[in-house]
Amino acid sequence: MLSELLIEIKSIVEARDEQSLVEQLFVAYHKFCDIDRAWFLKLSFDGRCFQVAHCIDKEEIGSADQLISKRNLEVQPAFLCDDFSHPFSHVAFNGKTLLLEKLKINRQMNHSEFLAWVTNCQQNTKLIIQPVLVDKKIVGMFAIQSTSELISANPDTDALLQLFGIRWQQISETKTLHNKQSVLESSLQSVNSDLDATQKKQQLDKGIIGQSNSIEKLKDKIVIAARSNLNVLVNGETGAGKELVAKAIYQLSNRSQESFIALNCAAIPDSLLESELFGYVKGAFSGAHENSLGLLGKAHNGVLFLDEIGDMPLNIQAKLLRVLETRSYRQLGASEEKSCDFRLVAATHKNIRALIKESLFRSDLYYRLNSFPIVVPHLRDRKQDIPELSLHFIKRYNVQNSCDVTGISDVALNQLSKLQFEGNVRELKNIIDLSCAHTLDGKSILSIQSSDSETEFLNLAPAVDNEDQLSATSFSRIDNLKAAVEQFEVSVITERLQQCQGNKTRAAQTLGMPRRTFTHMCQRLEL
């Protein structure tokens, strides 16, 4: 008997979770008491009721070593702690073991389910309800039904029940500790993820210029795209910087140490595009004097950027689709396929959906490419970025041409803000480069220079010096100096606020005064 008890003690101590712990105690009770039916009730989180968590019937037990409790009860009865029509509530209230015999049932316990149990069980049936105490607080209870006399008083099962309570507390504390650890790990991962995203956005600031809302959203998408391995389709008008976006995704991804291979599908004749993309073996055609991996092979483990994919011929589209599905390709003239692992980033300025309707682009390829769509905003939709872009291009021009153009005037920026930039950011760069060429070292760009008809239409003239402006003023008409000075201040501040798009800080800087002084002046002049 002692050896059996030791075995059960060992099983309970080694139980790793609540489920196995309950099952081990069921096994022990079956060995020592020959149970007919048993329940384990667990106290609810709010402490208001006990709910049946596990139960077994004698016909389901088989042998003690094969006992399996019902884990997922379709109906889980719950008994309110203050419903004293049921014996479970009495045990929950006083925390003491209760032994009931069918022939000695207290009729005050008239709970419907309890009375149904009394009616259905045999005459010599006993029910023992034992509380599970942890730090003198009840956390659950066992209800054991048996016709055996051993159920009445068994020191072995009492000892096992005490051990059960100790082990239950240990498992609960470990579970709580693991939950806290999981929450901390999740929080740490979230913090690290946010920190990583912030750092990557800061890296993007060096290559993608602008602080407008549309550019900030674009940077967020680039960071998210870099974390995945999805195919990316970049949409945007010509000159918007689609290749810049593709390179940013590559540089922030886990493939940044591998190759970045770019191909402009519109720049290569259809007859050469296939050999350029898939490669060829020696002798595949006239002029194939050696093997060529093709761009797919060169992009293995790296990123393949296909610009202007909307111009790709249909026959090449079908072959590219198969590569994306199988991750393998065949060189021209080869008999065997080569495997390739690459990240595809495609770009186009065309409306692919319109091309699909015209049967010029495969819809199945489009959905393969469009796993992660990114739209690059046009410069006309983010003109607040023009000053920062202009300074960036001026610095680049200075480095490339060993010049010293110091900046750009507000007049020139105002001229730029009136343009529609059909050529997008590329057009702005050309204008800045040409304007820098017309500017002496040590000077700022006073007026933009461009041969474009749009700038000629605007009739833009170089800025005049302040002395010229003052000399043109008709001083003879001034009869109230204070009012004239105030009107002049209103005109200057109003124009400067318009140029700076309402940014008082920038307007104050351009006028060489502190922002507080500038704000006070605006209030005084009721601007």
Protein backbone atom coordinates (compact mmCIF):
# COMPACT_ATOMS: atom_id res chain seq x y z
CA MET A 1 0.00 0.00 0.00
CA LEU A 2 2.87 2.34 0.83
CA SER A 3 4.50 1.72 -2.53
CA GLU A 4 1.26 2.61 -4.34
CA LEU A 5 0.99 5.79 -2.30
CA LEU A 6 4.55 6.75 -3.18
CA ILE A 7 3.81 6.19 -6.86
CA GLU A 8 0.80 8.51 -6.69
CA ILE A 9 2.80 11.11 -4.75
CA LYS A 10 5.47 11.02 -7.44
CA SER A 11 2.85 11.39 -10.20
CA ILE A 12 1.28 14.41 -8.51
CA VAL A 13 4.62 16.09 -7.85
CA GLU A 14 5.70 15.59 -11.47
CA ALA A 15 2.45 16.97 -12.94
CA ARG A 16 3.30 20.00 -15.13
CA ASP A 17 -0.12 21.60 -15.61
CA GLU A 18 -3.55 21.78 -14.00
CA GLN A 19 -5.06 19.26 -16.41
CA SER A 20 -2.55 16.49 -15.70
CA LEU A 21 -2.59 17.28 -11.96
CA VAL A 22 -6.37 16.77 -11.76
CA GLU A 23 -6.15 13.56 -13.78
CA GLN A 24 -3.45 12.16 -11.46
CA LEU A 25 -5.65 12.79 -8.40
CA PHE A 26 -8.57 11.10 -10.17
CA VAL A 27 -6.32 8.08 -10.72
CA ALA A 28 -5.35 8.03 -7.04
CA TYR A 29 -8.95 8.23 -5.85
CA HIS A 30 -9.91 5.39 -8.18
CA LYS A 31 -7.15 3.19 -6.74
CA PHE A 32 -7.97 3.85 -3.11
CA CYS A 33 -11.74 4.42 -3.15
CA ASP A 34 -13.12 2.66 -6.22
CA ILE A 35 -14.98 5.77 -7.42
CA ASP A 36 -18.19 5.60 -9.48
CA ARG A 37 -18.09 9.22 -10.55
CA ALA A 38 -15.96 12.25 -9.79
CA TRP A 39 -15.94 15.98 -10.45
CA PHE A 40 -13.38 18.71 -10.07
CA LEU A 41 -14.85 22.19 -9.63
CA LYS A 42 -12.75 25.29 -10.07
CA LEU A 43 -13.45 28.66 -8.48
CA SER A 44 -14.25 31.33 -11.06
CA PHE A 45 -12.02 34.37 -11.53
CA ASP A 46 -14.50 36.68 -9.77
CA GLY A 47 -14.92 34.19 -6.87
CA ARG A 48 -18.71 34.06 -7.20
CA CYS A 49 -19.23 30.51 -8.44
CA PHE A 50 -17.71 27.08 -8.91
CA GLN A 51 -17.64 25.61 -12.39
CA VAL A 52 -17.16 21.96 -13.29
CA ALA A 53 -13.78 21.82 -15.02
CA HIS A 54 -13.38 18.00 -15.26
CA CYS A 55 -15.55 14.99 -14.58
CA ILE A 56 -15.39 11.22 -15.13
CA ASP A 57 -17.73 8.22 -14.94
CA LYS A 58 -16.75 4.71 -13.86
CA GLU A 59 -17.41 3.19 -17.29
CA GLU A 60 -14.96 5.68 -18.80
CA ILE A 61 -12.17 4.82 -16.38
CA GLY A 62 -11.19 1.34 -17.60
CA SER A 63 -8.02 0.83 -15.58
CA ALA A 64 -6.47 3.33 -13.26
CA ASP A 65 -3.50 3.79 -15.58
CA GLN A 66 -5.76 4.70 -18.50
CA LEU A 67 -8.09 7.12 -16.79
CA ILE A 68 -9.04 10.05 -19.03
CA SER A 69 -11.19 12.92 -17.79
CA LYS A 70 -13.61 14.89 -19.89
CA ARG A 71 -11.69 18.00 -20.83
CA ASN A 72 -14.08 20.02 -22.95
CA LEU A 73 -17.54 19.61 -21.51
CA GLU A 74 -20.30 20.77 -23.85
CA VAL A 75 -22.19 22.00 -20.80
CA GLN A 76 -20.19 23.16 -17.82
CA PRO A 77 -22.55 23.53 -14.82
CA ALA A 78 -21.77 26.42 -12.51
CA PHE A 79 -22.86 26.61 -8.87
CA LEU A 80 -23.12 29.94 -7.10
CA CYS A 81 -21.16 30.10 -3.87
CA ASP A 82 -24.14 31.54 -1.98
CA ASP A 83 -26.72 29.03 -3.28
CA PHE A 84 -27.01 26.86 -0.15
CA SER A 85 -29.60 24.62 -1.75
CA HIS A 86 -26.59 22.73 -3.12
CA PRO A 87 -24.00 21.01 -0.89
CA PHE A 88 -21.11 22.46 -2.91
CA SER A 89 -21.94 25.90 -1.50
CA HIS A 90 -21.72 24.63 2.11
CA VAL A 91 -18.20 23.35 1.47
CA ALA A 92 -17.27 26.58 -0.26
CA PHE A 93 -18.55 28.55 2.75
CA ASN A 94 -16.89 26.68 5.64
CA GLY A 95 -13.96 25.09 3.81
CA LYS A 96 -14.55 21.70 5.42
CA THR A 97 -15.03 18.25 3.93
CA LEU A 98 -18.66 17.14 3.66
CA LEU A 99 -19.75 13.47 3.49
CA LEU A 100 -23.29 12.78 2.32
CA GLU A 101 -25.17 9.47 2.17
CA LYS A 102 -28.29 9.05 0.09
CA LEU A 103 -30.34 7.75 3.03
CA LYS A 104 -29.29 10.70 5.22
CA ILE A 105 -29.65 13.62 2.83
CA ASN A 106 -30.66 16.92 4.37
CA ARG A 107 -33.83 17.90 2.53
CA GLN A 108 -32.94 21.59 2.87
CA MET A 109 -30.55 20.95 0.02
CA ASN A 110 -33.18 21.04 -2.68
CA HIS A 111 -31.11 22.12 -5.68
CA SER A 112 -32.70 20.57 -8.77
CA GLU A 113 -29.52 19.04 -10.13
CA PHE A 114 -28.54 17.71 -6.70
CA LEU A 115 -31.96 16.13 -6.21
CA ALA A 116 -31.70 14.53 -9.64
CA TRP A 117 -28.40 12.99 -8.54
CA VAL A 118 -30.01 11.69 -5.32
CA THR A 119 -32.85 10.10 -7.27
CA ASN A 120 -30.62 8.31 -9.77
CA CYS A 121 -27.91 6.92 -7.50
CA GLN A 122 -27.99 3.63 -5.56
CA GLN A 123 -29.16 3.33 -1.96
CA ASN A 124 -25.69 2.84 -0.49
CA THR A 125 -24.14 5.69 -2.48
CA LYS A 126 -21.96 8.20 -0.68
CA LEU A 127 -20.80 11.62 -1.88
CA ILE A 128 -17.72 13.22 -0.37
CA ILE A 129 -16.95 16.84 -1.17
CA GLN A 130 -13.42 17.95 -0.29
CA PRO A 131 -12.14 21.52 -0.60
CA VAL A 132 -8.78 22.34 -2.22
CA LEU A 133 -7.13 24.93 0.01
CA VAL A 134 -4.21 27.18 -0.91
CA ASP A 135 -3.00 29.53 1.85
CA LYS A 136 -6.24 28.75 3.71
CA LYS A 137 -8.27 29.97 0.73
CA ILE A 138 -10.46 27.62 -1.25
CA VAL A 139 -9.58 27.46 -4.97
CA GLY A 140 -11.56 24.38 -5.96
CA MET A 141 -13.14 21.19 -4.73
CA PHE A 142 -13.38 17.50 -5.55
CA ALA A 143 -16.69 15.67 -5.42
CA ILE A 144 -16.32 11.88 -5.32
CA GLN A 145 -19.25 9.50 -5.66
CA SER A 146 -18.72 5.90 -4.54
CA THR A 147 -20.49 2.90 -2.98
CA SER A 148 -17.25 1.83 -1.26
CA GLU A 149 -16.86 2.18 2.49
CA LEU A 150 -13.30 3.43 1.87
CA ILE A 151 -14.67 6.79 0.77
CA SER A 152 -15.66 7.71 4.33
CA ALA A 153 -12.25 8.13 5.91
CA ASN A 154 -9.03 7.52 4.03
CA PRO A 155 -5.84 9.16 5.31
CA ASP A 156 -4.05 8.33 2.06
CA THR A 157 -6.43 10.38 -0.09
CA ASP A 158 -6.42 13.17 2.52
CA ALA A 159 -2.63 13.36 2.26
CA LEU A 160 -2.77 13.32 -1.53
CA LEU A 161 -5.34 16.11 -1.47
CA GLN A 162 -3.03 18.27 0.66
CA LEU A 163 -0.19 17.54 -1.73
CA PHE A 164 -2.52 18.40 -4.61
CA GLY A 165 -3.15 21.85 -3.08
CA ILE A 166 0.57 22.52 -2.70
CA ARG A 167 1.31 21.45 -6.26
CA TRP A 168 -1.71 23.40 -7.55
CA GLN A 169 -0.30 26.57 -5.98
CA GLN A 170 3.13 25.93 -7.50
CA ILE A 171 1.65 25.40 -10.97
CA SER A 172 -0.55 28.50 -10.62
CA GLU A 173 2.40 30.64 -9.54
CA THR A 174 4.53 29.29 -12.39
CA LYS A 175 1.70 29.96 -14.83
CA THR A 176 1.33 33.52 -13.54
CA LEU A 177 5.08 34.03 -13.79
CA HIS A 178 5.11 32.73 -17.37
CA ASN A 179 2.18 34.99 -18.27
CA LYS A 180 4.01 38.02 -16.86
CA GLN A 181 7.15 36.98 -18.69
CA SER A 182 5.20 36.60 -21.93
CA VAL A 183 3.69 40.07 -21.47
CA LEU A 184 7.12 41.54 -20.78
CA GLU A 185 8.64 39.77 -23.78
CA SER A 186 5.77 40.93 -25.97
CA SER A 187 6.18 44.49 -24.71
CA LEU A 188 9.94 44.33 -25.26
CA GLN A 189 9.43 43.01 -28.79
CA SER A 190 6.97 45.82 -29.45
CA VAL A 191 9.43 48.42 -28.12
CA ASN A 192 12.27 46.91 -30.14
CA SER A 193 10.06 46.79 -33.23
CA ASP A 194 9.10 50.46 -32.80
CA LEU A 195 12.73 51.38 -32.18
CA ASP A 196 13.82 49.44 -35.25
CA ALA A 197 11.12 51.12 -37.36
CA THR A 198 12.18 54.54 -36.06
CA GLN A 199 15.83 53.87 -36.84
CA LYS A 200 14.96 52.67 -40.32
CA LYS A 201 12.84 55.77 -40.94
CA GLN A 202 15.81 57.88 -39.88
CA GLN A 203 17.93 56.03 -42.44
CA LEU A 204 15.30 56.83 -45.08
CA ASP A 205 15.60 60.54 -44.32
CA LYS A 206 19.00 60.51 -46.02
CA GLY A 207 17.65 59.20 -49.31
CA ILE A 208 13.97 60.14 -49.44
CA ILE A 209 13.73 63.89 -48.95
CA GLY A 210 10.64 65.52 -47.50
CA GLN A 211 8.58 65.86 -44.34
CA SER A 212 5.08 66.11 -45.82
CA ASN A 213 2.35 63.74 -44.64
CA SER A 214 2.39 61.80 -47.92
CA ILE A 215 6.15 61.27 -47.71
CA GLU A 216 5.96 60.21 -44.05
CA LYS A 217 3.29 57.64 -44.99
CA LEU A 218 5.50 56.47 -47.87
CA LYS A 219 8.42 55.96 -45.46
CA ASP A 220 6.20 53.96 -43.11
CA LYS A 221 5.18 51.67 -45.98
CA ILE A 222 8.78 51.20 -47.06
CA VAL A 223 9.77 50.12 -43.53
CA ILE A 224 6.88 47.62 -43.39
CA ALA A 225 7.65 46.29 -46.87
CA ALA A 226 11.31 45.80 -45.96
CA ARG A 227 10.35 43.54 -43.05
CA SER A 228 8.44 41.12 -45.31
CA ASN A 229 9.43 39.09 -48.35
CA LEU A 230 6.35 39.98 -50.41
CA ASN A 231 6.53 41.10 -54.02
CA VAL A 232 6.20 44.89 -54.22
CA LEU A 233 4.60 46.92 -57.00
CA VAL A 234 5.57 50.60 -56.94
CA ASN A 235 3.22 52.94 -58.79
CA GLY A 236 4.01 56.54 -59.60
CA GLU A 237 4.35 59.01 -62.40
CA THR A 238 7.60 59.42 -64.31
CA GLY A 239 10.31 61.11 -62.27
CA ALA A 240 8.63 60.50 -58.89
CA GLY A 241 11.48 58.35 -57.58
CA LYS A 242 10.21 54.78 -57.95
CA GLU A 243 13.71 53.29 -58.18
CA LEU A 244 14.65 55.25 -55.06
CA VAL A 245 11.81 53.47 -53.23
CA ALA A 246 12.95 50.08 -54.56
CA LYS A 247 16.52 50.67 -53.36
CA ALA A 248 15.26 51.82 -49.96
CA ILE A 249 13.29 48.57 -49.54
CA TYR A 250 16.40 46.62 -50.52
CA GLN A 251 18.71 48.54 -48.16
CA LEU A 252 16.41 48.07 -45.16
CA SER A 253 15.67 44.38 -45.83
CA ASN A 254 17.55 41.28 -44.71
CA ARG A 255 18.86 40.95 -48.28
CA SER A 256 20.83 44.20 -48.13
CA GLN A 257 24.16 42.33 -48.17
CA GLU A 258 23.27 40.61 -51.45
CA SER A 259 22.87 41.97 -55.00
CA PHE A 260 20.44 44.63 -56.18
CA ILE A 261 19.79 43.98 -59.87
CA ALA A 262 17.81 46.56 -61.86
CA LEU A 263 16.29 46.24 -65.34
CA ASN A 264 14.26 48.80 -67.28
CA CYS A 265 11.83 46.74 -69.34
CA ALA A 266 11.08 49.68 -71.66
CA ALA A 267 14.73 50.37 -72.45
CA ILE A 268 15.55 46.97 -73.97
CA PRO A 269 14.14 45.65 -77.27
CA ASP A 270 11.67 42.79 -76.91
CA SER A 271 14.01 40.45 -78.80
CA LEU A 272 16.79 40.97 -76.24
CA LEU A 273 14.70 41.21 -73.07
CA GLU A 274 14.27 37.44 -72.66
CA SER A 275 18.00 36.66 -72.96
CA GLU A 276 18.85 39.57 -70.67
CA LEU A 277 16.43 38.36 -68.02
CA PHE A 278 16.80 34.58 -68.23
CA GLY A 279 20.33 34.31 -69.56
CA TYR A 280 21.57 31.73 -72.08
CA VAL A 281 24.05 28.93 -72.59
CA LYS A 282 26.97 28.96 -74.99
CA GLY A 283 25.79 28.34 -78.57
CA ALA A 284 22.12 29.05 -77.84
CA PHE A 285 22.10 31.58 -80.68
CA SER A 286 24.52 33.40 -82.94
CA GLY A 287 26.85 35.49 -80.78
CA ALA A 288 26.35 33.42 -77.60
CA HIS A 289 30.03 32.68 -77.11
CA GLU A 290 29.77 31.96 -73.37
CA ASN A 291 27.20 31.13 -70.70
CA SER A 292 25.19 33.92 -69.12
CA LEU A 293 23.32 33.54 -65.82
CA GLY A 294 20.86 36.28 -66.71
CA LEU A 295 19.58 38.86 -64.28
CA LEU A 296 17.47 36.24 -62.49
CA GLY A 297 20.61 34.27 -61.68
CA LYS A 298 22.54 37.36 -60.66
CA ALA A 299 19.71 38.37 -58.31
CA HIS A 300 19.86 35.04 -56.41
CA ASN A 301 19.42 35.77 -52.67
CA GLY A 302 19.11 39.48 -53.50
CA VAL A 303 16.53 41.85 -54.98
CA LEU A 304 15.45 42.09 -58.62
CA PHE A 305 13.99 45.46 -59.62
CA LEU A 306 11.96 45.50 -62.83
CA ASP A 307 11.23 49.09 -63.79
CA GLU A 308 8.45 49.94 -66.26
CA ILE A 309 7.09 46.42 -66.06
CA GLY A 310 3.95 47.62 -67.81
CA ASP A 311 6.01 47.58 -71.04
CA MET A 312 6.98 43.91 -70.70
CA PRO A 313 5.79 41.73 -73.65
CA LEU A 314 3.07 39.17 -72.94
CA ASN A 315 5.25 36.16 -73.75
CA ILE A 316 7.87 37.29 -71.20
CA GLN A 317 5.09 37.97 -68.68
CA ALA A 318 4.01 34.31 -68.87
CA LYS A 319 7.55 33.10 -68.24
CA LEU A 320 8.06 35.54 -65.37
CA LEU A 321 4.82 34.33 -63.79
CA ARG A 322 6.09 30.76 -63.84
CA VAL A 323 9.36 31.85 -62.21
CA LEU A 324 7.42 33.52 -59.40
CA GLU A 325 5.37 30.36 -58.88
CA THR A 326 8.16 27.77 -59.07
CA ARG A 327 11.22 29.85 -58.11
CA SER A 328 13.11 28.24 -60.97
CA TYR A 329 13.95 29.29 -64.54
CA ARG A 330 15.59 27.92 -67.67
CA GLN A 331 18.30 29.73 -69.61
CA LEU A 332 17.88 30.03 -73.37
CA GLY A 333 19.20 26.86 -74.97
CA ALA A 334 19.52 25.00 -71.64
CA SER A 335 17.98 21.59 -70.92
CA GLU A 336 17.85 21.93 -67.14
CA GLU A 337 16.28 24.49 -64.85
CA LYS A 338 18.07 26.56 -62.25
CA SER A 339 16.60 27.47 -58.88
CA CYS A 340 16.56 31.11 -57.82
CA ASP A 341 15.61 32.85 -54.61
CA PHE A 342 15.06 36.57 -55.05
CA ARG A 343 12.82 39.38 -53.85
CA LEU A 344 10.94 41.05 -56.70
CA VAL A 345 10.19 44.76 -56.70
CA ALA A 346 8.45 46.04 -59.83
CA ALA A 347 7.53 49.59 -60.83
CA THR A 348 5.38 51.26 -63.44
CA HIS A 349 3.87 54.62 -64.30
CA LYS A 350 1.06 52.98 -66.26
CA ASN A 351 -2.39 51.93 -65.13
CA ILE A 352 -1.99 48.15 -65.05
CA ARG A 353 -5.72 47.53 -64.63
CA ALA A 354 -6.37 49.46 -67.83
CA LEU A 355 -3.71 47.39 -69.61
CA ILE A 356 -5.42 44.21 -68.39
CA LYS A 357 -8.71 45.34 -69.93
CA GLU A 358 -6.88 45.94 -73.20
CA SER A 359 -5.32 42.44 -72.96
CA LEU A 360 -1.84 43.97 -72.77
CA PHE A 361 -1.03 42.67 -69.31
CA ARG A 362 -1.75 39.37 -67.59
CA SER A 363 -4.11 39.66 -64.63
CA ASP A 364 -2.57 36.65 -62.86
CA LEU A 365 0.87 38.26 -63.03
CA TYR A 366 -0.54 41.55 -61.77
CA TYR A 367 -1.95 39.91 -58.65
CA ARG A 368 1.38 38.17 -58.09
CA LEU A 369 3.22 41.48 -58.35
CA ASN A 370 0.73 43.50 -56.33
CA SER A 371 1.21 41.62 -53.05
CA PHE A 372 2.44 44.86 -51.45
CA PRO A 373 1.36 47.97 -53.40
CA ILE A 374 3.13 51.30 -52.85
CA VAL A 375 2.16 54.59 -54.50
CA VAL A 376 4.79 57.34 -54.77
CA PRO A 377 3.12 60.79 -54.49
CA HIS A 378 3.61 63.40 -57.22
CA LEU A 379 5.57 66.53 -56.39
CA ARG A 380 2.59 68.76 -57.13
CA ASP A 381 0.77 67.02 -54.25
CA ARG A 382 3.57 67.75 -51.77
CA LYS A 383 4.86 71.20 -52.67
CA GLN A 384 5.76 71.86 -49.03
CA ASP A 385 8.76 69.59 -49.67
CA ILE A 386 10.14 71.85 -52.45
CA PRO A 387 12.40 73.97 -50.17
CA GLU A 388 14.04 70.88 -48.62
CA LEU A 389 14.38 69.17 -52.00
CA SER A 390 15.87 72.31 -53.52
CA LEU A 391 18.55 72.58 -50.82
CA HIS A 392 19.30 68.87 -51.26
CA PHE A 393 19.83 69.29 -55.01
CA ILE A 394 21.94 72.42 -54.45
CA LYS A 395 24.25 70.48 -52.11
CA ARG A 396 24.50 67.66 -54.63
CA TYR A 397 25.28 70.13 -57.43
CA ASN A 398 28.01 71.75 -55.32
CA VAL A 399 29.66 68.38 -54.65
CA GLN A 400 29.47 67.20 -58.25
CA ASN A 401 30.68 70.48 -59.76
CA SER A 402 32.97 71.79 -57.01
CA CYS A 403 30.84 74.91 -56.62
CA ASP A 404 29.60 76.94 -53.65
CA VAL A 405 25.99 77.97 -54.22
CA THR A 406 24.86 78.96 -50.72
CA GLY A 407 21.11 78.48 -51.00
CA ILE A 408 17.93 79.68 -52.66
CA SER A 409 15.92 82.85 -52.11
CA ASP A 410 12.27 83.04 -51.07
CA VAL A 411 11.48 84.68 -54.40
CA ALA A 412 12.88 81.68 -56.26
CA LEU A 413 10.99 79.29 -53.99
CA ASN A 414 7.82 81.23 -54.65
CA GLN A 415 8.44 80.84 -58.37
CA LEU A 416 8.91 77.09 -57.96
CA SER A 417 5.69 76.78 -55.97
CA LYS A 418 3.73 78.05 -58.99
CA LEU A 419 4.95 75.26 -61.28
CA GLN A 420 2.98 72.06 -61.91
CA PHE A 421 6.09 69.86 -62.37
CA GLU A 422 4.90 67.59 -65.13
CA GLY A 423 8.35 66.00 -64.93
CA ASN A 424 8.00 65.52 -61.18
CA VAL A 425 11.05 65.57 -58.87
CA ARG A 426 13.34 65.00 -61.84
CA GLU A 427 12.12 68.29 -63.35
CA LEU A 428 12.81 70.11 -60.09
CA LYS A 429 16.34 68.72 -60.04
CA ASN A 430 16.96 69.92 -63.61
CA ILE A 431 15.67 73.40 -62.76
CA ILE A 432 17.87 73.63 -59.65
CA ASP A 433 20.93 72.37 -61.58
CA LEU A 434 20.40 74.97 -64.34
CA SER A 435 19.77 77.72 -61.80
CA CYS A 436 22.95 76.77 -59.92
CA ALA A 437 24.88 77.02 -63.18
CA HIS A 438 23.67 80.64 -63.50
CA THR A 439 24.63 81.48 -59.91
CA LEU A 440 28.07 82.69 -58.80
CA ASP A 441 29.97 80.97 -56.00
CA GLY A 442 29.11 82.36 -52.60
CA LYS A 443 25.68 83.52 -53.79
CA SER A 444 22.15 82.14 -53.45
CA ILE A 445 19.79 81.39 -56.33
CA LEU A 446 17.75 84.57 -56.71
CA SER A 447 15.54 83.39 -59.57
CA ILE A 448 14.99 80.03 -61.17
CA GLN A 449 16.31 79.36 -64.68
CA SER A 450 14.61 76.99 -67.05
CA SER A 451 14.00 76.60 -70.78
CA ASP A 452 10.63 74.98 -70.11
CA SER A 453 7.63 76.73 -71.62
CA GLU A 454 5.84 76.66 -68.28
CA THR A 455 8.41 78.87 -66.61
CA GLU A 456 8.47 81.19 -69.60
CA PHE A 457 4.70 81.53 -69.38
CA LEU A 458 4.97 82.56 -65.74
CA ASN A 459 7.16 85.49 -66.90
CA LEU A 460 9.48 85.04 -63.99
CA ALA A 461 11.99 87.86 -63.50
CA PRO A 462 15.11 87.99 -61.34
CA ALA A 463 14.68 89.45 -57.90
CA VAL A 464 15.63 93.09 -57.39
CA ASP A 465 17.71 94.40 -54.54
CA ASN A 466 15.97 96.08 -51.63
CA GLU A 467 17.68 99.38 -52.50
CA ASP A 468 16.07 99.31 -55.97
CA GLN A 469 12.67 98.66 -54.41
CA LEU A 470 13.04 101.54 -52.00
CA SER A 471 14.15 103.92 -54.71
CA ALA A 472 11.02 103.12 -56.68
CA THR A 473 8.77 104.03 -53.80
CA SER A 474 6.95 107.34 -54.07
CA PHE A 475 7.92 109.00 -50.80
CA SER A 476 6.23 112.24 -51.80
CA ARG A 477 2.76 110.73 -51.27
CA ILE A 478 3.43 109.78 -47.63
CA ASP A 479 1.61 112.12 -45.23
CA ASN A 480 1.50 109.77 -42.20
CA LEU A 481 4.82 108.08 -41.53
CA LYS A 482 3.50 105.76 -38.80
CA ALA A 483 0.65 104.52 -40.99
CA ALA A 484 3.00 104.08 -43.97
CA VAL A 485 5.48 102.04 -41.91
CA GLU A 486 2.65 99.92 -40.52
CA GLN A 487 1.26 99.31 -44.02
CA PHE A 488 4.74 98.33 -45.23
CA GLU A 489 5.08 95.85 -42.34
CA VAL A 490 1.64 94.36 -43.15
CA SER A 491 2.62 93.88 -46.80
CA VAL A 492 5.99 92.28 -46.02
CA ILE A 493 4.65 89.94 -43.32
CA THR A 494 1.60 88.91 -45.35
CA GLU A 495 3.71 88.05 -48.39
CA ARG A 496 6.28 86.19 -46.29
CA LEU A 497 3.59 84.11 -44.56
CA GLN A 498 2.20 83.17 -47.96
CA GLN A 499 5.64 82.13 -49.17
CA CYS A 500 6.18 80.03 -46.04
CA GLN A 501 2.65 78.58 -46.23
CA GLY A 502 1.68 79.97 -42.84
CA ASN A 503 4.77 78.68 -41.01
CA LYS A 504 5.55 81.52 -38.58
CA THR A 505 8.83 80.01 -37.42
CA ARG A 506 10.20 79.87 -40.95
CA ALA A 507 8.82 83.28 -41.83
CA ALA A 508 10.51 84.78 -38.77
CA GLN A 509 13.81 83.12 -39.69
CA THR A 510 13.70 84.50 -43.23
CA LEU A 511 13.13 88.00 -41.82
CA GLY A 512 15.97 87.63 -39.31
CA MET A 513 13.91 88.02 -36.14
CA PRO A 514 12.89 85.75 -33.23
CA ARG A 515 9.62 83.89 -33.61
CA ARG A 516 8.21 85.52 -30.45
CA THR A 517 8.85 89.00 -31.87
CA PHE A 518 7.32 87.98 -35.19
CA THR A 519 4.22 86.53 -33.48
CA HIS A 520 3.81 89.65 -31.36
CA MET A 521 4.02 91.79 -34.51
CA CYS A 522 1.34 89.65 -36.19
CA GLN A 523 -0.94 90.14 -33.19
CA ARG A 524 -0.29 93.89 -33.13
CA LEU A 525 -1.08 94.21 -36.83
CA GLU A 526 -4.10 91.85 -36.44
CA LEU A 527 -2.73 89.40 -38.99
